[in-house]
Amino acid sequence: MSAKGKKTVSRRAYKPQSQPFWLIFKRCVQIGGCTNILLFLLFHWLGSPILAWVSVVSFVLYVLAYQLLLKRHNKVAVAVVWFEVLAHASLGVVMLGWESGTHVFILLFVPITVASTQLRHALLPVAALWIYYVGLYLLTQLWLPPLQPVSVTATIAIHTVSLGIVIAMLGYLAHLYLSTIHSAQQRLRDLAITDPLTGLSNRRFILEAAHNEAARTVSDTDSLSFVLADLDHFKSINDIHGHEAGDRVLVAVSEVFRSCVRGNDLVARWGGEEFLLMLTDTPARDARNIAERIRQNIESLDIPLGDTSLGVTLTMGLSVHCRGETVGESISRADQALYRGKQAGRNRVEMDT
């Protein structure tokens, strides 16, 4: 990779581009807009018209930021929110004094900044935020008295409401962040165990499940059966109709498998045009009946393909797991039965003997 390419990758890696972060930031903007409606009512009630109308302007800015996020102008939206919070909180402190507590809204930027990028890249803006916060404190404590002081009761009310809003927002956003991360992790786990085309389990997951089920049957009398299925003449479908048609066939066949299996059973795309069905608590005769029903349903499929339609068949090999053998050996016997079924003419269920 060229040096220019490396620089591009590095720069992109530090941008807050993760979907979970932007979902949470969008929710922050919504909460910020609603908060300013509350602040407008509070300042109007306390007799501070300037701050009341500042809250109206702030509400408009949050609406603007939300629209920018919808249009994916994320950087501009972040800048708008930064400006709104810093200006609004600072103006509140200058007008009402430090004791009003409006400065606590500035602290919300600390977790948002840290969550948006790598820690070392968050240190500079967090440090700048600290310097600004301390500077605002020193300014109001040493040199600048409140420009529009209110009564002690009003000051306590403003401070209490501001602190309550910030605590509520931090708690809610922490919950939302954890929920969003959990959902993202769950999606990643699903992708790791699912075949992306058919939506069935993948080979890795069914093997793990089969090993667990085989271990359970060591001390149990229930049966564990495996059915290995292979679509007949699938290569010719791809060669004649194209790979898109082949994908449609695989999806349609997968739907038949999914509709025919029971709640405790598991079906996976084994590889290519092969499928593996694991039937729990199922003796040989019942497993054969289930496999035969699947075979018949697939044989009756009429898959739309442009101006025409396509029918498919599949051959299935069945084996019952024996105690003392590995899962791989059981599946291998099903594979051998499948091979015999292919040799015998295809479109059939062949039982391992």
Foldseek 3Di string as FASTA:
>chain_A
DDPVVVVVVVVVQFFLPDPLLLVLVLVVLVLLLVVLVVVLVLCVVQVNNVLNVLSVVLNVLSVVLNVCVVVVVNVVSVVSNLVSLVVSLLLCCQAANVLLQSLVSLVVVLVSLPNRGPNVVSVVVVVVSVVVSVVSNCCPVPPGDHNHYGDPVSSVVSNVVNVVSVVVSVVVSVVSSVVSVVVVVVVVVLVVQADVLQRFGAQVVVQVVVQVLLVVCLPPPFWKKKKKKAWPPLVVCCVPQNVVSSSLLQNVLSVLVVVLADPPKGKYAHDDRMIMIMHTSDDDVRVQVSVLVSQVVQQPDWADDPPGTDGIGMEMFMFIDDPPDGPVVRVVLRVVQSVVCVVVPGSHYGYRD
